[in-house]
Amino acid sequence: MFDGREPIYIQIADQIRGDILAGHLAEGEQVMSTTQYATTYRINPATAAKAFAQLVDEGVLYKQRGVGMFVAEGAPAQLRAARRETFLEELLEPVLAEARVLGITTSELTRWIERSSAESDLTATNTTTEGEQR
């Protein structure tokens, strides 16, 4: 499960952030304890605790003494804003720079994005329709 290059505690924190963004963990919802996490994924409890501590420091999780860890109010919006900024700076800027080098115009990029979005919308609609027919 945790086979990336980054330390395991960072991978755990990223996984929890992703679960919150995807809506698998809602605001106020309890998350697995560090012990449960360590047992489930067969990792050192201190590693899981380090990930949870990082998320608490970021304001993504909060600890309720004697009860457990919970998703903080506003965490999805906070994570979305941070992820959007990262996306724009680290992913989109290099793409736009390469487009400039290749002479791709803004209108060409816009058409490409609109066409790709329309195809995604069509795929999502077809998937939903097929699921409803079953």
C-alpha atoms as a PDB file:
ATOM      1  CA  MET A   1       0.000   0.000   0.000  1.00  0.00           C
ATOM      2  CA  PHE A   2       2.642   2.525   1.032  1.00  0.00           C
ATOM      3  CA  ASP A   3       5.257   1.987  -1.622  1.00  0.00           C
ATOM      4  CA  GLY A   4       5.951   5.544  -2.744  1.00  0.00           C
ATOM      5  CA  ARG A   5       9.249   7.356  -2.424  1.00  0.00           C
ATOM      6  CA  GLU A   6       8.004   9.691   0.293  1.00  0.00           C
ATOM      7  CA  PRO A   7       8.058   8.707   3.956  1.00  0.00           C
ATOM      8  CA  ILE A   8       5.098   6.555   5.006  1.00  0.00           C
ATOM      9  CA  TYR A   9       3.691   9.204   7.362  1.00  0.00           C
ATOM     10  CA  ILE A  10       3.446  11.642   4.443  1.00  0.00           C
ATOM     11  CA  GLN A  11       1.726   8.991   2.318  1.00  0.00           C
ATOM     12  CA  ILE A  12      -0.761   8.370   5.143  1.00  0.00           C
ATOM     13  CA  ALA A  13      -1.482  12.089   5.516  1.00  0.00           C
ATOM     14  CA  ASP A  14      -1.931  12.401   1.741  1.00  0.00           C
ATOM     15  CA  GLN A  15      -4.294   9.425   1.717  1.00  0.00           C
ATOM     16  CA  ILE A  16      -6.445  10.983   4.444  1.00  0.00           C
ATOM     17  CA  ARG A  17      -6.424  14.349   2.642  1.00  0.00           C
ATOM     18  CA  GLY A  18      -7.518  12.557  -0.532  1.00  0.00           C
ATOM     19  CA  ASP A  19     -10.318  10.748   1.322  1.00  0.00           C
ATOM     20  CA  ILE A  20     -11.567  14.070   2.672  1.00  0.00           C
ATOM     21  CA  LEU A  21     -11.440  15.729  -0.757  1.00  0.00           C
ATOM     22  CA  ALA A  22     -13.225  12.778  -2.386  1.00  0.00           C
ATOM     23  CA  GLY A  23     -15.974  12.942   0.240  1.00  0.00           C
ATOM     24  CA  HIS A  24     -15.143   9.565   1.787  1.00  0.00           C
ATOM     25  CA  LEU A  25     -14.538  11.376   5.089  1.00  0.00           C
ATOM     26  CA  ALA A  26     -16.964  14.182   5.916  1.00  0.00           C
ATOM     27  CA  GLU A  27     -16.593  17.129   8.282  1.00  0.00           C
ATOM     28  CA  GLY A  28     -17.064  15.929  11.852  1.00  0.00           C
ATOM     29  CA  GLU A  29     -16.587  12.292  10.911  1.00  0.00           C
ATOM     30  CA  GLN A  30     -14.302  10.184  13.072  1.00  0.00           C
ATOM     31  CA  VAL A  31     -11.198   8.760  11.423  1.00  0.00           C
ATOM     32  CA  MET A  32      -9.435   5.532  12.326  1.00  0.00           C
ATOM     33  CA  SER A  33      -7.315   5.718  15.441  1.00  0.00           C
ATOM     34  CA  THR A  34      -3.558   5.543  15.089  1.00  0.00           C
ATOM     35  CA  THR A  35      -3.679   2.052  16.605  1.00  0.00           C
ATOM     36  CA  GLN A  36      -6.333   0.903  14.125  1.00  0.00           C
ATOM     37  CA  TYR A  37      -4.362   2.455  11.296  1.00  0.00           C
ATOM     38  CA  ALA A  38      -1.150   0.762  12.409  1.00  0.00           C
ATOM     39  CA  THR A  39      -2.877  -2.606  12.782  1.00  0.00           C
ATOM     40  CA  THR A  40      -4.776  -2.371   9.481  1.00  0.00           C
ATOM     41  CA  TYR A  41      -1.761  -1.350   7.414  1.00  0.00           C
ATOM     42  CA  ARG A  42       0.872  -3.177   9.483  1.00  0.00           C
ATOM     43  CA  ILE A  43       2.959  -0.119  10.216  1.00  0.00           C
ATOM     44  CA  ASN A  44       4.562   1.331  13.316  1.00  0.00           C
ATOM     45  CA  PRO A  45       1.974   3.191  15.448  1.00  0.00           C
ATOM     46  CA  ALA A  46       4.444   6.084  15.797  1.00  0.00           C
ATOM     47  CA  THR A  47       4.407   6.495  12.008  1.00  0.00           C
ATOM     48  CA  ALA A  48       0.612   6.734  11.955  1.00  0.00           C
ATOM     49  CA  ALA A  49       0.714   9.127  14.917  1.00  0.00           C
ATOM     50  CA  LYS A  50       3.156  11.379  13.071  1.00  0.00           C
ATOM     51  CA  ALA A  51       0.772  11.589  10.086  1.00  0.00           C
ATOM     52  CA  PHE A  52      -2.184  12.391  12.329  1.00  0.00           C
ATOM     53  CA  ALA A  53      -0.159  15.011  14.226  1.00  0.00           C
ATOM     54  CA  GLN A  54       0.719  16.698  10.935  1.00  0.00           C
ATOM     55  CA  LEU A  55      -2.963  16.822   9.960  1.00  0.00           C
ATOM     56  CA  VAL A  56      -3.898  18.219  13.365  1.00  0.00           C
ATOM     57  CA  ASP A  57      -1.204  20.902  12.998  1.00  0.00           C
ATOM     58  CA  GLU A  58      -2.662  21.802   9.590  1.00  0.00           C
ATOM     59  CA  GLY A  59      -6.169  22.070  11.037  1.00  0.00           C
ATOM     60  CA  VAL A  60      -7.474  19.208   8.902  1.00  0.00           C
ATOM     61  CA  LEU A  61      -8.164  16.936  11.881  1.00  0.00           C
ATOM     62  CA  TYR A  62      -8.908  17.658  15.512  1.00  0.00           C
ATOM     63  CA  LYS A  63      -8.544  15.455  18.549  1.00  0.00           C
ATOM     64  CA  GLN A  64     -11.350  14.949  21.003  1.00  0.00           C
ATOM     65  CA  ARG A  65      -9.738  13.692  24.164  1.00  0.00           C
ATOM     66  CA  GLY A  66     -10.759  10.168  25.060  1.00  0.00           C
ATOM     67  CA  VAL A  67     -12.845   9.792  21.906  1.00  0.00           C
ATOM     68  CA  GLY A  68     -10.558  10.042  18.877  1.00  0.00           C
ATOM     69  CA  MET A  69      -9.663  12.083  15.799  1.00  0.00           C
ATOM     70  CA  PHE A  70     -12.234  13.831  13.635  1.00  0.00           C
ATOM     71  CA  VAL A  71     -12.299  15.744  10.357  1.00  0.00           C
ATOM     72  CA  ALA A  72     -12.266  19.448  11.166  1.00  0.00           C
ATOM     73  CA  GLU A  73     -15.012  21.776  10.011  1.00  0.00           C
ATOM     74  CA  GLY A  74     -13.922  23.485   6.808  1.00  0.00           C
ATOM     75  CA  ALA A  75     -11.233  20.874   6.091  1.00  0.00           C
ATOM     76  CA  PRO A  76     -12.538  19.991   2.598  1.00  0.00           C
ATOM     77  CA  ALA A  77     -12.586  23.642   1.524  1.00  0.00           C
ATOM     78  CA  GLN A  78      -9.148  24.238   3.051  1.00  0.00           C
ATOM     79  CA  LEU A  79      -7.678  21.211   1.284  1.00  0.00           C
ATOM     80  CA  ARG A  80      -9.362  22.102  -2.006  1.00  0.00           C
ATOM     81  CA  ALA A  81      -7.933  25.632  -1.904  1.00  0.00           C
ATOM     82  CA  ALA A  82      -4.435  24.340  -1.171  1.00  0.00           C
ATOM     83  CA  ARG A  83      -4.658  21.663  -3.851  1.00  0.00           C
ATOM     84  CA  ARG A  84      -5.952  24.172  -6.420  1.00  0.00           C
ATOM     85  CA  GLU A  85      -2.981  26.455  -5.758  1.00  0.00           C
ATOM     86  CA  THR A  86      -0.563  23.540  -6.109  1.00  0.00           C
ATOM     87  CA  PHE A  87      -2.295  22.390  -9.300  1.00  0.00           C
ATOM     88  CA  LEU A  88      -2.058  25.817 -10.882  1.00  0.00           C
ATOM     89  CA  GLU A  89       1.556  26.441  -9.892  1.00  0.00           C
ATOM     90  CA  GLU A  90       3.105  22.999 -10.297  1.00  0.00           C
ATOM     91  CA  LEU A  91       1.073  21.446 -13.095  1.00  0.00           C
ATOM     92  CA  LEU A  92      -0.660  24.081 -15.173  1.00  0.00           C
ATOM     93  CA  GLU A  93       2.156  26.638 -15.345  1.00  0.00           C
ATOM     94  CA  PRO A  94       4.618  24.175 -16.937  1.00  0.00           C
ATOM     95  CA  VAL A  95       1.939  23.087 -19.420  1.00  0.00           C
ATOM     96  CA  LEU A  96       1.245  26.689 -20.386  1.00  0.00           C
ATOM     97  CA  ALA A  97       4.956  27.405 -20.721  1.00  0.00           C
ATOM     98  CA  GLU A  98       5.339  24.404 -23.040  1.00  0.00           C
ATOM     99  CA  ALA A  99       2.288  25.516 -25.024  1.00  0.00           C
ATOM    100  CA  ARG A 100       3.919  28.918 -25.561  1.00  0.00           C
ATOM    101  CA  VAL A 101       7.122  27.263 -26.783  1.00  0.00           C
ATOM    102  CA  LEU A 102       5.101  25.122 -29.189  1.00  0.00           C
ATOM    103  CA  GLY A 103       3.093  28.102 -30.428  1.00  0.00           C
ATOM    104  CA  ILE A 104      -0.225  26.763 -29.151  1.00  0.00           C
ATOM    105  CA  THR A 105      -2.647  29.656 -28.792  1.00  0.00           C
ATOM    106  CA  THR A 106      -4.982  30.334 -25.890  1.00  0.00           C
ATOM    107  CA  SER A 107      -7.981  29.690 -28.148  1.00  0.00           C
ATOM    108  CA  GLU A 108      -6.542  26.291 -29.166  1.00  0.00           C
ATOM    109  CA  LEU A 109      -6.021  25.382 -25.510  1.00  0.00           C
ATOM    110  CA  THR A 110      -9.535  26.545 -24.670  1.00  0.00           C
ATOM    111  CA  ARG A 111     -11.062  24.445 -27.483  1.00  0.00           C
ATOM    112  CA  TRP A 112      -9.055  21.436 -26.339  1.00  0.00           C
ATOM    113  CA  ILE A 113     -10.197  21.846 -22.732  1.00  0.00           C
ATOM    114  CA  GLU A 114     -13.829  22.345 -23.774  1.00  0.00           C
ATOM    115  CA  ARG A 115     -13.741  19.278 -26.027  1.00  0.00           C
ATOM    116  CA  SER A 116     -12.099  17.179 -23.331  1.00  0.00           C
ATOM    117  CA  SER A 117     -14.622  18.400 -20.738  1.00  0.00           C
ATOM    118  CA  ALA A 118     -17.522  17.608 -23.062  1.00  0.00           C
ATOM    119  CA  GLU A 119     -16.156  14.090 -23.582  1.00  0.00           C
ATOM    120  CA  SER A 120     -15.795  13.643 -19.819  1.00  0.00           C
ATOM    121  CA  ASP A 121     -19.341  14.888 -19.290  1.00  0.00           C
ATOM    122  CA  LEU A 122     -20.607  12.502 -21.974  1.00  0.00           C
ATOM    123  CA  THR A 123     -18.756   9.565 -20.423  1.00  0.00           C
ATOM    124  CA  ALA A 124     -20.141  10.416 -16.978  1.00  0.00           C
ATOM    125  CA  THR A 125     -23.662  10.715 -18.394  1.00  0.00           C
ATOM    126  CA  ASN A 126     -23.373   7.376 -20.232  1.00  0.00           C
ATOM    127  CA  THR A 127     -22.031   5.658 -17.120  1.00  0.00           C
ATOM    128  CA  THR A 128     -24.903   7.015 -15.025  1.00  0.00           C
ATOM    129  CA  THR A 129     -27.485   6.074 -17.668  1.00  0.00           C
ATOM    130  CA  GLU A 130     -26.099   2.535 -17.960  1.00  0.00           C
ATOM    131  CA  GLY A 131     -26.152   2.164 -14.175  1.00  0.00           C
ATOM    132  CA  GLU A 132     -29.769   3.337 -14.025  1.00  0.00           C
ATOM    133  CA  GLN A 133     -30.816   0.846 -16.713  1.00  0.00           C
ATOM    134  CA  ARG A 134     -29.466  -2.147 -14.811  1.00  0.00           C
END
